[in-house]
N, C-alpha and C. Protein backbone atom coordinates (compact mmCIF):
# COMPACT_ATOMS: atom_id res chain seq x y z
N MET A 1 160.91 151.42 190.89
CA MET A 1 161.24 151.95 189.57
C MET A 1 161.61 150.80 188.65
N TYR A 2 161.07 150.83 187.46
CA TYR A 2 161.34 149.77 186.48
C TYR A 2 162.48 150.18 185.56
N TYR A 3 163.25 149.19 185.13
CA TYR A 3 164.21 149.44 184.07
C TYR A 3 163.75 148.66 182.85
N VAL A 4 163.22 149.41 181.91
CA VAL A 4 162.74 148.81 180.66
C VAL A 4 163.70 149.24 179.56
N ASN A 5 164.28 148.30 178.87
CA ASN A 5 165.26 148.62 177.83
C ASN A 5 164.53 149.14 176.58
N GLN A 6 164.15 150.39 176.63
CA GLN A 6 163.39 150.99 175.55
C GLN A 6 164.18 151.06 174.25
N ASP A 7 165.48 151.21 174.33
CA ASP A 7 166.30 151.25 173.11
C ASP A 7 166.17 149.93 172.34
N GLN A 8 166.29 148.82 173.04
CA GLN A 8 166.18 147.52 172.38
C GLN A 8 164.76 147.29 171.85
N ILE A 9 163.77 147.69 172.63
CA ILE A 9 162.38 147.56 172.18
C ILE A 9 162.16 148.40 170.93
N ASN A 10 162.62 149.64 170.96
CA ASN A 10 162.44 150.52 169.80
C ASN A 10 163.16 150.00 168.56
N GLN A 11 164.35 149.43 168.73
CA GLN A 11 165.06 148.85 167.59
C GLN A 11 164.24 147.73 166.96
N ARG A 12 163.65 146.91 167.79
CA ARG A 12 162.85 145.80 167.26
C ARG A 12 161.53 146.29 166.65
N LEU A 13 160.94 147.31 167.24
CA LEU A 13 159.73 147.89 166.65
C LEU A 13 160.02 148.50 165.29
N GLU A 14 161.13 149.19 165.16
CA GLU A 14 161.52 149.76 163.87
C GLU A 14 161.77 148.65 162.85
N PHE A 15 162.45 147.60 163.30
CA PHE A 15 162.70 146.47 162.41
C PHE A 15 161.39 145.83 161.97
N MET A 16 160.46 145.67 162.92
CA MET A 16 159.17 145.07 162.60
C MET A 16 158.41 145.92 161.58
N ASP A 17 158.47 147.23 161.74
CA ASP A 17 157.82 148.11 160.76
C ASP A 17 158.43 147.92 159.37
N TRP A 18 159.77 147.80 159.31
CA TRP A 18 160.44 147.54 158.04
C TRP A 18 160.00 146.19 157.47
N LEU A 19 159.94 145.19 158.35
CA LEU A 19 159.54 143.84 157.94
C LEU A 19 158.13 143.84 157.35
N VAL A 20 157.23 144.58 157.96
CA VAL A 20 155.86 144.68 157.45
C VAL A 20 155.87 145.19 156.02
N GLY A 21 156.77 146.11 155.71
CA GLY A 21 156.87 146.64 154.35
C GLY A 21 157.35 145.64 153.33
N THR A 22 157.98 144.57 153.78
CA THR A 22 158.48 143.54 152.85
C THR A 22 157.42 142.50 152.50
N ILE A 23 156.38 142.43 153.29
CA ILE A 23 155.38 141.36 153.10
C ILE A 23 154.67 141.45 151.75
N PRO A 24 154.20 142.62 151.32
CA PRO A 24 153.52 142.66 150.03
C PRO A 24 154.37 142.13 148.87
N GLU A 25 155.64 142.47 148.86
CA GLU A 25 156.52 141.98 147.79
C GLU A 25 156.66 140.47 147.85
N SER A 26 156.69 139.92 149.06
CA SER A 26 156.84 138.46 149.19
C SER A 26 155.59 137.72 148.73
N LEU A 27 154.47 138.42 148.64
CA LEU A 27 153.22 137.79 148.23
C LEU A 27 152.93 137.93 146.75
N GLU A 28 153.72 138.77 146.05
CA GLU A 28 153.50 138.95 144.62
C GLU A 28 153.72 137.63 143.88
N ASN A 29 152.92 137.40 142.87
CA ASN A 29 153.11 136.19 142.06
C ASN A 29 154.41 136.29 141.30
N LYS A 30 155.18 135.26 141.40
CA LYS A 30 156.47 135.19 140.71
C LYS A 30 156.42 134.10 139.66
N LEU A 31 157.44 134.08 138.85
CA LEU A 31 157.56 133.00 137.87
C LEU A 31 157.73 131.67 138.60
N GLU A 32 157.34 130.60 137.96
CA GLU A 32 157.42 129.26 138.54
C GLU A 32 158.81 128.97 139.13
N SER A 33 159.84 129.35 138.40
CA SER A 33 161.20 129.04 138.84
C SER A 33 161.60 129.83 140.09
N GLU A 34 160.90 130.91 140.37
CA GLU A 34 161.24 131.72 141.53
C GLU A 34 160.43 131.37 142.77
N SER A 35 159.46 130.47 142.65
CA SER A 35 158.55 130.22 143.76
C SER A 35 159.26 129.68 145.00
N VAL A 36 160.29 128.86 144.85
CA VAL A 36 161.00 128.33 146.02
C VAL A 36 161.64 129.49 146.79
N ILE A 37 162.25 130.40 146.09
CA ILE A 37 162.85 131.56 146.74
C ILE A 37 161.77 132.39 147.43
N GLN A 38 160.64 132.53 146.77
CA GLN A 38 159.52 133.28 147.36
C GLN A 38 159.06 132.61 148.66
N PHE A 39 158.91 131.30 148.66
CA PHE A 39 158.47 130.60 149.87
C PHE A 39 159.52 130.71 150.98
N LEU A 40 160.78 130.64 150.62
CA LEU A 40 161.84 130.79 151.62
C LEU A 40 161.82 132.19 152.22
N ALA A 41 161.59 133.20 151.38
CA ALA A 41 161.49 134.58 151.88
C ALA A 41 160.31 134.72 152.83
N GLN A 42 159.19 134.11 152.49
CA GLN A 42 158.01 134.18 153.35
C GLN A 42 158.26 133.50 154.69
N GLU A 43 158.94 132.37 154.66
CA GLU A 43 159.29 131.67 155.90
C GLU A 43 160.18 132.54 156.78
N ARG A 44 161.14 133.19 156.14
CA ARG A 44 162.06 134.05 156.91
C ARG A 44 161.31 135.24 157.50
N ILE A 45 160.38 135.80 156.77
CA ILE A 45 159.57 136.91 157.29
C ILE A 45 158.79 136.45 158.52
N LEU A 46 158.17 135.30 158.43
CA LEU A 46 157.43 134.76 159.57
C LEU A 46 158.35 134.54 160.76
N HIS A 47 159.53 133.97 160.49
CA HIS A 47 160.50 133.71 161.55
C HIS A 47 160.95 135.01 162.22
N LEU A 48 161.33 136.00 161.43
CA LEU A 48 161.79 137.27 161.98
C LEU A 48 160.66 137.99 162.72
N ALA A 49 159.45 137.87 162.23
CA ALA A 49 158.30 138.50 162.90
C ALA A 49 158.09 137.88 164.28
N LEU A 50 158.11 136.57 164.35
CA LEU A 50 157.87 135.94 165.65
C LEU A 50 159.02 136.20 166.62
N GLU A 51 160.24 136.23 166.12
CA GLU A 51 161.38 136.53 167.00
C GLU A 51 161.30 137.97 167.51
N SER A 52 160.89 138.90 166.66
CA SER A 52 160.75 140.30 167.07
C SER A 52 159.68 140.44 168.14
N VAL A 53 158.55 139.81 167.92
CA VAL A 53 157.45 139.87 168.89
C VAL A 53 157.87 139.28 170.23
N THR A 54 158.52 138.14 170.21
CA THR A 54 158.91 137.51 171.48
C THR A 54 160.07 138.25 172.15
N ASP A 55 160.97 138.82 171.37
CA ASP A 55 162.03 139.65 171.96
C ASP A 55 161.43 140.85 172.69
N ILE A 56 160.51 141.53 172.04
CA ILE A 56 159.86 142.68 172.66
C ILE A 56 159.13 142.23 173.92
N GLY A 57 158.42 141.12 173.80
CA GLY A 57 157.71 140.59 174.97
C GLY A 57 158.66 140.28 176.12
N SER A 58 159.78 139.69 175.82
CA SER A 58 160.76 139.38 176.87
C SER A 58 161.30 140.64 177.54
N TYR A 59 161.56 141.67 176.76
CA TYR A 59 162.02 142.94 177.35
C TYR A 59 160.96 143.54 178.26
N LEU A 60 159.71 143.45 177.86
CA LEU A 60 158.63 143.98 178.70
C LEU A 60 158.47 143.15 179.97
N ILE A 61 158.50 141.84 179.83
CA ILE A 61 158.36 140.95 180.99
C ILE A 61 159.49 141.20 181.99
N ASP A 62 160.72 141.30 181.49
CA ASP A 62 161.86 141.56 182.37
C ASP A 62 161.79 142.96 182.99
N GLY A 63 161.49 143.95 182.15
CA GLY A 63 161.51 145.33 182.61
C GLY A 63 160.42 145.67 183.61
N PHE A 64 159.24 145.08 183.43
CA PHE A 64 158.13 145.37 184.32
C PHE A 64 157.93 144.28 185.38
N LEU A 65 158.91 143.39 185.48
CA LEU A 65 158.90 142.34 186.49
C LEU A 65 157.61 141.53 186.49
N MET A 66 157.18 141.15 185.30
CA MET A 66 156.02 140.29 185.16
C MET A 66 156.46 138.87 185.47
N ARG A 67 155.53 137.96 185.59
CA ARG A 67 155.91 136.58 185.90
C ARG A 67 156.76 136.00 184.77
N ASP A 68 157.64 135.08 185.12
CA ASP A 68 158.54 134.48 184.14
C ASP A 68 157.76 133.65 183.11
N ALA A 69 158.19 133.75 181.88
CA ALA A 69 157.58 132.98 180.80
C ALA A 69 158.25 131.62 180.70
N SER A 70 157.45 130.60 180.43
CA SER A 70 158.00 129.25 180.29
C SER A 70 158.11 128.81 178.84
N SER A 71 157.56 129.61 177.91
CA SER A 71 157.60 129.25 176.50
C SER A 71 157.33 130.50 175.66
N TYR A 72 157.48 130.35 174.37
CA TYR A 72 157.17 131.47 173.47
C TYR A 72 155.69 131.82 173.56
N GLU A 73 154.84 130.80 173.62
CA GLU A 73 153.41 131.04 173.75
C GLU A 73 153.10 131.76 175.06
N ASP A 74 153.81 131.38 176.10
CA ASP A 74 153.60 131.99 177.41
C ASP A 74 153.94 133.48 177.40
N ILE A 75 154.95 133.87 176.63
CA ILE A 75 155.29 135.30 176.51
C ILE A 75 154.06 136.06 176.02
N ILE A 76 153.41 135.54 174.99
CA ILE A 76 152.23 136.19 174.42
C ILE A 76 151.10 136.20 175.44
N GLU A 77 150.89 135.10 176.12
CA GLU A 77 149.81 135.03 177.11
C GLU A 77 150.04 135.97 178.29
N ILE A 78 151.29 136.11 178.71
CA ILE A 78 151.60 137.05 179.80
C ILE A 78 151.30 138.47 179.35
N LEU A 79 151.75 138.84 178.16
CA LEU A 79 151.48 140.19 177.65
C LEU A 79 149.99 140.44 177.54
N HIS A 80 149.26 139.44 177.07
CA HIS A 80 147.80 139.58 176.97
C HIS A 80 147.19 139.76 178.36
N GLY A 81 147.64 138.95 179.32
CA GLY A 81 147.14 139.06 180.70
C GLY A 81 147.42 140.40 181.33
N GLU A 82 148.52 141.01 180.93
CA GLU A 82 148.90 142.34 181.45
C GLU A 82 148.27 143.47 180.63
N LYS A 83 147.44 143.09 179.66
CA LYS A 83 146.72 144.05 178.81
C LYS A 83 147.66 144.94 178.00
N VAL A 84 148.74 144.33 177.52
CA VAL A 84 149.70 145.06 176.68
C VAL A 84 149.13 145.29 175.29
N PHE A 85 148.33 144.35 174.80
CA PHE A 85 147.72 144.48 173.48
C PHE A 85 146.26 144.02 173.58
N PRO A 86 145.42 144.44 172.63
CA PRO A 86 144.01 144.07 172.67
C PRO A 86 143.78 142.57 172.44
N SER A 87 142.68 142.08 172.96
CA SER A 87 142.37 140.65 172.93
C SER A 87 142.30 140.06 171.53
N HIS A 88 141.86 140.83 170.55
CA HIS A 88 141.73 140.26 169.20
C HIS A 88 143.08 139.94 168.56
N LEU A 89 144.17 140.41 169.16
CA LEU A 89 145.51 140.06 168.64
C LEU A 89 146.05 138.77 169.25
N LEU A 90 145.41 138.29 170.30
CA LEU A 90 145.93 137.10 170.99
C LEU A 90 146.05 135.91 170.05
N GLU A 91 144.99 135.56 169.37
CA GLU A 91 145.03 134.36 168.51
C GLU A 91 146.06 134.47 167.38
N PRO A 92 146.08 135.57 166.61
CA PRO A 92 147.10 135.62 165.55
C PRO A 92 148.53 135.64 166.09
N LEU A 93 148.75 136.28 167.23
CA LEU A 93 150.11 136.30 167.81
C LEU A 93 150.49 134.91 168.31
N LEU A 94 149.55 134.20 168.92
CA LEU A 94 149.84 132.83 169.34
C LEU A 94 150.11 131.93 168.13
N ASN A 95 149.32 132.09 167.08
CA ASN A 95 149.55 131.31 165.86
C ASN A 95 150.93 131.60 165.29
N LEU A 96 151.35 132.85 165.35
CA LEU A 96 152.67 133.22 164.85
C LEU A 96 153.77 132.53 165.64
N VAL A 97 153.74 132.64 166.97
CA VAL A 97 154.84 132.07 167.75
C VAL A 97 154.81 130.54 167.77
N LYS A 98 153.64 129.96 167.57
CA LYS A 98 153.56 128.49 167.50
C LYS A 98 154.27 127.95 166.26
N MET A 99 154.53 128.81 165.30
CA MET A 99 155.22 128.38 164.08
C MET A 99 156.73 128.20 164.28
N ARG A 100 157.24 128.68 165.39
CA ARG A 100 158.69 128.68 165.59
C ARG A 100 159.32 127.30 165.44
N LYS A 101 158.73 126.32 166.07
CA LYS A 101 159.31 124.97 166.01
C LYS A 101 159.40 124.49 164.57
N LYS A 102 158.34 124.70 163.80
CA LYS A 102 158.35 124.27 162.40
C LYS A 102 159.40 125.04 161.60
N LEU A 103 159.49 126.34 161.83
CA LEU A 103 160.41 127.16 161.05
C LEU A 103 161.87 126.93 161.42
N VAL A 104 162.13 126.60 162.68
CA VAL A 104 163.51 126.50 163.15
C VAL A 104 164.00 125.06 163.24
N GLN A 105 163.12 124.13 163.59
CA GLN A 105 163.56 122.75 163.80
C GLN A 105 163.01 121.77 162.76
N GLU A 106 161.82 122.02 162.28
CA GLU A 106 161.19 121.07 161.36
C GLU A 106 161.04 121.67 159.96
N TYR A 107 161.95 122.53 159.58
CA TYR A 107 161.89 123.26 158.31
C TYR A 107 161.85 122.34 157.10
N PHE A 108 162.36 121.14 157.24
CA PHE A 108 162.40 120.21 156.12
C PHE A 108 161.03 119.58 155.84
N HIS A 109 160.05 119.79 156.75
CA HIS A 109 158.70 119.26 156.56
C HIS A 109 157.70 120.33 156.11
N LEU A 110 158.13 121.55 155.94
CA LEU A 110 157.20 122.63 155.60
C LEU A 110 156.62 122.46 154.20
N ASP A 111 155.36 122.81 154.07
CA ASP A 111 154.70 122.80 152.76
C ASP A 111 155.07 124.09 152.05
N ARG A 112 155.73 123.97 150.95
CA ARG A 112 156.16 125.14 150.19
C ARG A 112 155.36 125.28 148.90
N ASN A 113 154.11 124.84 148.94
CA ASN A 113 153.25 124.94 147.77
C ASN A 113 152.22 126.07 147.91
N ASP A 114 151.93 126.48 149.11
CA ASP A 114 150.95 127.53 149.34
C ASP A 114 151.50 128.57 150.31
N VAL A 115 151.07 129.80 150.11
CA VAL A 115 151.45 130.88 151.01
C VAL A 115 150.78 130.63 152.36
N HIS A 116 151.53 130.83 153.42
CA HIS A 116 150.94 130.65 154.74
C HIS A 116 149.89 131.74 154.95
N PRO A 117 148.67 131.38 155.35
CA PRO A 117 147.59 132.36 155.47
C PRO A 117 147.88 133.50 156.45
N LEU A 118 148.72 133.25 157.42
CA LEU A 118 149.05 134.29 158.39
C LEU A 118 149.75 135.48 157.74
N LEU A 119 150.44 135.25 156.63
CA LEU A 119 151.13 136.36 155.96
C LEU A 119 150.17 137.44 155.48
N PHE A 120 148.94 137.07 155.17
CA PHE A 120 147.97 138.05 154.69
C PHE A 120 147.50 138.98 155.80
N GLU A 121 147.41 138.48 157.03
CA GLU A 121 146.96 139.31 158.14
C GLU A 121 148.13 139.89 158.96
N LEU A 122 149.32 139.39 158.72
CA LEU A 122 150.48 139.80 159.51
C LEU A 122 150.76 141.30 159.48
N PRO A 123 150.66 142.00 158.35
CA PRO A 123 150.92 143.44 158.38
C PRO A 123 150.04 144.18 159.39
N ASN A 124 148.76 143.88 159.40
CA ASN A 124 147.86 144.54 160.35
C ASN A 124 148.14 144.13 161.79
N VAL A 125 148.41 142.85 161.99
CA VAL A 125 148.69 142.35 163.34
C VAL A 125 149.95 143.00 163.90
N LEU A 126 151.02 143.01 163.12
CA LEU A 126 152.28 143.59 163.61
C LEU A 126 152.18 145.09 163.80
N SER A 127 151.48 145.76 162.91
CA SER A 127 151.32 147.21 163.05
C SER A 127 150.53 147.55 164.32
N GLU A 128 149.46 146.82 164.55
CA GLU A 128 148.67 147.08 165.75
C GLU A 128 149.43 146.68 167.01
N PHE A 129 150.20 145.60 166.93
CA PHE A 129 151.04 145.19 168.05
C PHE A 129 152.04 146.30 168.39
N SER A 130 152.68 146.87 167.38
CA SER A 130 153.65 147.96 167.60
C SER A 130 153.00 149.15 168.29
N ILE A 131 151.85 149.55 167.80
CA ILE A 131 151.14 150.68 168.41
C ILE A 131 150.78 150.36 169.85
N SER A 132 150.33 149.15 170.10
CA SER A 132 149.97 148.74 171.46
C SER A 132 151.18 148.79 172.39
N ILE A 133 152.33 148.36 171.90
CA ILE A 133 153.54 148.38 172.72
C ILE A 133 153.90 149.82 173.09
N LEU A 134 153.89 150.70 172.10
CA LEU A 134 154.22 152.10 172.36
C LEU A 134 153.23 152.73 173.33
N ASN A 135 151.96 152.44 173.17
CA ASN A 135 150.94 152.97 174.09
C ASN A 135 151.13 152.42 175.51
N TYR A 136 151.45 151.15 175.60
CA TYR A 136 151.67 150.54 176.91
C TYR A 136 152.87 151.19 177.62
N LEU A 137 153.96 151.36 176.87
CA LEU A 137 155.14 151.98 177.46
C LEU A 137 154.84 153.41 177.92
N LYS A 138 154.15 154.13 177.08
CA LYS A 138 153.80 155.52 177.41
C LYS A 138 152.96 155.57 178.69
N HIS A 139 151.98 154.69 178.78
CA HIS A 139 151.09 154.67 179.93
C HIS A 139 151.84 154.24 181.20
N GLU A 140 152.59 153.14 181.10
CA GLU A 140 153.25 152.57 182.28
C GLU A 140 154.44 153.42 182.76
N LEU A 141 155.10 154.08 181.84
CA LEU A 141 156.28 154.88 182.22
C LEU A 141 155.96 156.36 182.33
N ASN A 142 154.71 156.70 182.10
CA ASN A 142 154.26 158.10 182.19
C ASN A 142 155.11 159.05 181.38
N THR A 143 155.38 158.67 180.13
CA THR A 143 156.20 159.53 179.28
C THR A 143 155.37 160.19 178.21
């Protein structure tokens, strides 16, 4: 019998759904003086998205006793190997989690002149990821 912390997973899925709703506003053209704030908001959205995805992945890995992850990228690869989400999400999810080091440790080197291209596809990626997680839980836990 598996113990999967569905409450924590559901909290993060709900948060991710809320986060997806903030992306369009972060992409709206703002006045020149507001662009720095806009870029900082976009960076935070990316950061929170990747943390949510990896948190959910960690709960699934722990709960279903999958092999231990050695990195953030490994969390995504393990979930992909276990067929938690469809293959076409692998690349954008890996691109998302690979941003962690830049967002958390090398933030002073980030280019704040252009919107990160991942933000444009992130709503669809996160929405499909959420649906995949719920379907996986339903299938694996027979609920």
